[in-house]
Amino acid sequence: MDLTVAVKEIRGRCPVHRVGDSFTLKACYQLVSDIPVCMHAPASPMPWYNAPRVSEPADWGLDGKNDRTKAYIQCPDACQYTNGGTVVFEVARIGEPVPELA
């Protein structure tokens, strides 16, 4: 199963990403991108990157208000203290639906 991780919002200033940038996690562990990717970008969803294989974002408390099939995660930059930018990532499943659990 593949995931797409897209920049949904930037709070402050991010020196790497722009809103709309995205990369793919193929088979949930191979990062594929045509653009530079900040080290925080793949680190942010890392605790949850395998979860879409077995559950929905709502099951882990990361679902969106308007689209419960996507997860929302932010980068760890504390922009109010660093003058950097906190990036909000939208994580979506590509391809097959979650298998039914027994």
N, C-alpha and C. Protein backbone atom coordinates (compact mmCIF):
# COMPACT_ATOMS: atom_id res chain seq x y z
N MET A 1 0.84 -1.18 0.00
CA MET A 1 0.00 0.00 0.00
C MET A 1 0.89 1.24 0.00
N ASP A 2 0.52 2.22 -0.79
CA ASP A 2 1.29 3.45 -0.88
C ASP A 2 0.53 4.58 -0.17
N LEU A 3 1.31 5.56 0.29
CA LEU A 3 0.74 6.75 0.91
C LEU A 3 1.27 7.97 0.18
N THR A 4 0.44 8.99 0.09
CA THR A 4 0.92 10.29 -0.39
C THR A 4 0.92 11.23 0.81
N VAL A 5 2.00 11.98 0.97
CA VAL A 5 2.13 12.96 2.04
C VAL A 5 2.24 14.32 1.37
N ALA A 6 1.25 15.17 1.60
CA ALA A 6 1.20 16.48 0.94
C ALA A 6 1.24 17.60 1.96
N VAL A 7 1.87 18.71 1.61
CA VAL A 7 1.91 19.88 2.46
C VAL A 7 0.56 20.58 2.34
N LYS A 8 -0.18 20.57 3.43
CA LYS A 8 -1.52 21.16 3.46
C LYS A 8 -1.47 22.63 3.88
N GLU A 9 -0.59 22.93 4.87
CA GLU A 9 -0.54 24.29 5.43
C GLU A 9 0.84 24.51 6.02
N ILE A 10 1.28 25.76 6.00
CA ILE A 10 2.54 26.12 6.65
C ILE A 10 2.25 27.27 7.60
N ARG A 11 2.60 27.07 8.86
CA ARG A 11 2.47 28.14 9.87
C ARG A 11 3.87 28.70 10.11
N GLY A 12 4.07 29.95 9.78
CA GLY A 12 5.40 30.53 9.85
C GLY A 12 6.07 30.43 8.49
N ARG A 13 7.39 30.15 8.48
CA ARG A 13 8.14 30.10 7.24
C ARG A 13 8.92 28.79 7.18
N CYS A 14 8.67 28.01 6.15
CA CYS A 14 9.41 26.77 5.93
C CYS A 14 10.41 27.03 4.80
N PRO A 15 11.71 26.78 5.05
CA PRO A 15 12.71 27.04 4.01
C PRO A 15 12.76 25.97 2.92
N VAL A 16 12.02 24.87 3.09
CA VAL A 16 12.10 23.76 2.14
C VAL A 16 10.81 23.58 1.35
N HIS A 17 9.69 23.52 2.04
CA HIS A 17 8.42 23.15 1.39
C HIS A 17 7.52 24.34 1.10
N ARG A 18 6.62 24.12 0.15
CA ARG A 18 5.54 25.05 -0.19
C ARG A 18 4.23 24.28 -0.13
N VAL A 19 3.14 24.97 0.12
CA VAL A 19 1.83 24.33 0.13
C VAL A 19 1.63 23.64 -1.22
N GLY A 20 1.19 22.39 -1.17
CA GLY A 20 0.97 21.61 -2.37
C GLY A 20 2.09 20.64 -2.69
N ASP A 21 3.28 20.84 -2.11
CA ASP A 21 4.37 19.88 -2.29
C ASP A 21 3.92 18.51 -1.79
N SER A 22 4.43 17.45 -2.38
CA SER A 22 4.09 16.12 -1.90
C SER A 22 5.18 15.11 -2.23
N PHE A 23 5.16 14.02 -1.50
CA PHE A 23 6.02 12.89 -1.79
C PHE A 23 5.23 11.63 -1.51
N THR A 24 5.74 10.51 -1.95
CA THR A 24 5.04 9.24 -1.81
C THR A 24 5.86 8.30 -0.94
N LEU A 25 5.18 7.54 -0.10
CA LEU A 25 5.79 6.43 0.63
C LEU A 25 5.27 5.16 -0.02
N LYS A 26 6.08 4.56 -0.88
CA LYS A 26 5.68 3.33 -1.57
C LYS A 26 5.86 2.16 -0.62
N ALA A 27 4.87 1.28 -0.59
CA ALA A 27 4.86 0.13 0.30
C ALA A 27 5.05 0.57 1.74
N CYS A 28 4.73 1.82 2.02
CA CYS A 28 4.81 2.42 3.36
C CYS A 28 6.23 2.49 3.93
N TYR A 29 7.26 2.38 3.07
CA TYR A 29 8.61 2.55 3.60
C TYR A 29 9.63 3.10 2.61
N GLN A 30 9.30 3.22 1.34
CA GLN A 30 10.23 3.76 0.35
C GLN A 30 9.81 5.18 -0.02
N LEU A 31 10.63 6.16 0.32
CA LEU A 31 10.31 7.55 0.01
C LEU A 31 10.63 7.83 -1.45
N VAL A 32 9.63 8.34 -2.19
CA VAL A 32 9.78 8.67 -3.60
C VAL A 32 9.36 10.13 -3.77
N SER A 33 10.26 10.94 -4.38
CA SER A 33 9.94 12.35 -4.55
C SER A 33 10.74 12.94 -5.71
N ASP A 34 10.11 13.90 -6.40
CA ASP A 34 10.78 14.66 -7.45
C ASP A 34 11.31 15.99 -6.91
N ILE A 35 11.02 16.29 -5.65
CA ILE A 35 11.43 17.56 -5.05
C ILE A 35 12.27 17.26 -3.81
N PRO A 36 13.05 18.24 -3.33
CA PRO A 36 13.76 18.05 -2.07
C PRO A 36 12.76 17.84 -0.93
N VAL A 37 13.11 16.98 0.01
CA VAL A 37 12.23 16.68 1.14
C VAL A 37 12.98 16.98 2.43
N CYS A 38 12.39 17.79 3.28
CA CYS A 38 12.96 18.12 4.59
C CYS A 38 13.02 16.85 5.44
N MET A 39 14.04 16.72 6.26
CA MET A 39 14.18 15.55 7.14
C MET A 39 12.99 15.39 8.10
N HIS A 40 12.35 16.52 8.46
CA HIS A 40 11.19 16.44 9.35
C HIS A 40 9.97 15.83 8.65
N ALA A 41 9.91 15.96 7.33
CA ALA A 41 8.72 15.52 6.59
C ALA A 41 8.46 14.02 6.72
N PRO A 42 9.43 13.14 6.47
CA PRO A 42 9.15 11.72 6.67
C PRO A 42 9.17 11.31 8.14
N ALA A 43 9.83 12.10 8.97
CA ALA A 43 9.89 11.77 10.40
C ALA A 43 8.54 12.00 11.08
N SER A 44 7.80 13.00 10.62
CA SER A 44 6.53 13.34 11.27
C SER A 44 5.51 12.20 11.21
N PRO A 45 5.27 11.58 10.06
CA PRO A 45 4.30 10.47 10.04
C PRO A 45 4.90 9.11 10.43
N MET A 46 6.19 9.06 10.73
CA MET A 46 6.83 7.77 10.98
C MET A 46 6.12 6.90 12.03
N PRO A 47 5.66 7.46 13.15
CA PRO A 47 4.98 6.58 14.11
C PRO A 47 3.70 5.94 13.58
N TRP A 48 3.14 6.52 12.52
CA TRP A 48 1.85 6.05 12.01
C TRP A 48 1.90 5.51 10.59
N TYR A 49 3.05 5.46 9.95
CA TYR A 49 3.06 5.17 8.52
C TYR A 49 2.58 3.77 8.17
N ASN A 50 2.60 2.83 9.07
CA ASN A 50 2.07 1.50 8.78
C ASN A 50 0.61 1.34 9.17
N ALA A 51 0.08 2.25 9.97
CA ALA A 51 -1.30 2.14 10.45
C ALA A 51 -2.33 2.05 9.33
N PRO A 52 -2.17 2.76 8.19
CA PRO A 52 -3.20 2.65 7.14
C PRO A 52 -3.36 1.24 6.57
N ARG A 53 -2.41 0.39 6.79
CA ARG A 53 -2.55 -0.99 6.32
C ARG A 53 -3.67 -1.72 7.05
N VAL A 54 -3.96 -1.33 8.29
CA VAL A 54 -4.90 -2.10 9.10
C VAL A 54 -6.06 -1.29 9.68
N SER A 55 -6.04 0.03 9.51
CA SER A 55 -7.09 0.82 10.13
C SER A 55 -7.30 2.14 9.40
N GLU A 56 -8.29 2.88 9.84
CA GLU A 56 -8.61 4.19 9.29
C GLU A 56 -8.00 5.28 10.17
N PRO A 57 -7.74 6.48 9.62
CA PRO A 57 -7.17 7.56 10.43
C PRO A 57 -7.98 7.87 11.69
N ALA A 58 -9.30 7.71 11.64
CA ALA A 58 -10.13 7.96 12.83
C ALA A 58 -9.77 7.02 13.97
N ASP A 59 -9.29 5.82 13.64
CA ASP A 59 -8.93 4.86 14.68
C ASP A 59 -7.71 5.30 15.47
N TRP A 60 -6.90 6.20 14.90
CA TRP A 60 -5.72 6.66 15.61
C TRP A 60 -5.81 8.13 15.97
N GLY A 61 -7.00 8.73 15.79
CA GLY A 61 -7.21 10.11 16.22
C GLY A 61 -6.56 11.16 15.34
N LEU A 62 -6.29 10.84 14.08
CA LEU A 62 -5.61 11.78 13.20
C LEU A 62 -6.45 12.16 11.98
N ASP A 63 -7.72 11.81 11.99
CA ASP A 63 -8.58 12.07 10.84
C ASP A 63 -8.95 13.54 10.76
N GLY A 64 -9.28 13.95 9.53
CA GLY A 64 -9.65 15.33 9.30
C GLY A 64 -11.09 15.61 9.66
N LYS A 65 -11.39 16.87 9.87
CA LYS A 65 -12.75 17.28 10.20
C LYS A 65 -13.70 17.07 9.03
N ASN A 66 -13.20 17.30 7.80
CA ASN A 66 -14.06 17.21 6.62
C ASN A 66 -13.83 15.94 5.80
N ASP A 67 -12.69 15.30 5.96
CA ASP A 67 -12.40 14.08 5.21
C ASP A 67 -11.76 13.08 6.17
N ARG A 68 -12.55 12.15 6.65
CA ARG A 68 -12.09 11.23 7.68
C ARG A 68 -11.20 10.13 7.12
N THR A 69 -10.98 10.11 5.80
CA THR A 69 -10.11 9.09 5.20
C THR A 69 -8.65 9.55 5.15
N LYS A 70 -8.40 10.82 5.48
CA LYS A 70 -7.04 11.36 5.46
C LYS A 70 -6.59 11.68 6.87
N ALA A 71 -5.28 11.56 7.08
CA ALA A 71 -4.69 11.88 8.38
C ALA A 71 -3.95 13.21 8.29
N TYR A 72 -3.86 13.90 9.41
CA TYR A 72 -3.18 15.19 9.47
C TYR A 72 -2.15 15.15 10.58
N ILE A 73 -0.91 15.48 10.20
CA ILE A 73 0.23 15.41 11.11
C ILE A 73 1.07 16.66 10.86
N GLN A 74 1.72 17.18 11.90
CA GLN A 74 2.55 18.36 11.68
C GLN A 74 4.00 18.09 12.02
N CYS A 75 4.87 18.87 11.41
CA CYS A 75 6.31 18.72 11.65
C CYS A 75 6.62 19.24 13.06
N PRO A 76 7.75 18.82 13.62
CA PRO A 76 8.06 19.18 15.01
C PRO A 76 8.68 20.55 15.21
N ASP A 77 8.85 21.37 14.17
CA ASP A 77 9.46 22.68 14.34
C ASP A 77 8.54 23.57 15.18
N ALA A 78 9.02 24.03 16.29
CA ALA A 78 8.25 24.92 17.17
C ALA A 78 8.41 26.35 16.67
N CYS A 79 7.69 26.68 15.60
CA CYS A 79 7.92 27.92 14.86
C CYS A 79 7.80 29.19 15.70
N GLN A 80 6.97 29.18 16.72
CA GLN A 80 6.82 30.39 17.52
C GLN A 80 8.09 30.69 18.32
N TYR A 81 8.99 29.73 18.45
CA TYR A 81 10.24 29.93 19.17
C TYR A 81 11.47 29.96 18.26
N THR A 82 11.36 29.36 17.08
CA THR A 82 12.53 29.22 16.20
C THR A 82 12.53 30.16 15.00
N ASN A 83 11.46 30.88 14.78
CA ASN A 83 11.29 31.70 13.57
C ASN A 83 11.28 30.84 12.31
N GLY A 84 11.03 29.57 12.48
CA GLY A 84 10.91 28.65 11.34
C GLY A 84 9.45 28.50 10.97
N GLY A 85 9.08 27.30 10.58
CA GLY A 85 7.70 27.06 10.18
C GLY A 85 7.26 25.65 10.50
N THR A 86 6.06 25.53 11.00
CA THR A 86 5.47 24.23 11.25
C THR A 86 4.63 23.86 10.03
N VAL A 87 4.92 22.72 9.45
CA VAL A 87 4.21 22.25 8.27
C VAL A 87 3.17 21.23 8.68
N VAL A 88 1.94 21.39 8.19
CA VAL A 88 0.88 20.42 8.40
C VAL A 88 0.83 19.54 7.16
N PHE A 89 0.97 18.23 7.38
CA PHE A 89 0.95 17.26 6.29
C PHE A 89 -0.39 16.53 6.24
N GLU A 90 -0.89 16.32 5.03
CA GLU A 90 -2.09 15.53 4.81
C GLU A 90 -1.63 14.18 4.25
N VAL A 91 -1.94 13.12 4.94
CA VAL A 91 -1.51 11.78 4.56
C VAL A 91 -2.72 11.00 4.05
N ALA A 92 -2.60 10.50 2.83
CA ALA A 92 -3.72 9.78 2.22
C ALA A 92 -3.24 8.44 1.64
N ARG A 93 -4.10 7.47 1.72
CA ARG A 93 -3.83 6.15 1.16
C ARG A 93 -4.01 6.21 -0.35
N ILE A 94 -3.11 5.55 -1.08
CA ILE A 94 -3.23 5.44 -2.53
C ILE A 94 -3.54 3.98 -2.83
N GLY A 95 -4.57 3.76 -3.58
CA GLY A 95 -4.84 2.38 -4.00
C GLY A 95 -5.87 1.68 -3.16
N GLU A 96 -5.56 0.43 -2.82
CA GLU A 96 -6.55 -0.46 -2.23
C GLU A 96 -7.04 -0.01 -0.86
N PRO A 97 -8.28 -0.32 -0.54
CA PRO A 97 -8.84 0.03 0.77
C PRO A 97 -8.24 -0.83 1.88
N VAL A 98 -8.50 -0.42 3.09
CA VAL A 98 -8.05 -1.18 4.26
C VAL A 98 -8.71 -2.54 4.27
N PRO A 99 -7.95 -3.62 4.44
CA PRO A 99 -8.58 -4.94 4.49
C PRO A 99 -9.45 -5.08 5.73
N GLU A 100 -10.50 -5.87 5.61
CA GLU A 100 -11.37 -6.15 6.75
C GLU A 100 -10.62 -6.98 7.78
N LEU A 101 -10.70 -6.57 9.03
CA LEU A 101 -10.03 -7.32 10.10
C LEU A 101 -10.98 -8.38 10.66
N ALA A 102 -10.45 -9.51 10.99
CA ALA A 102 -11.27 -10.58 11.54
C ALA A 102 -11.53 -10.36 13.02
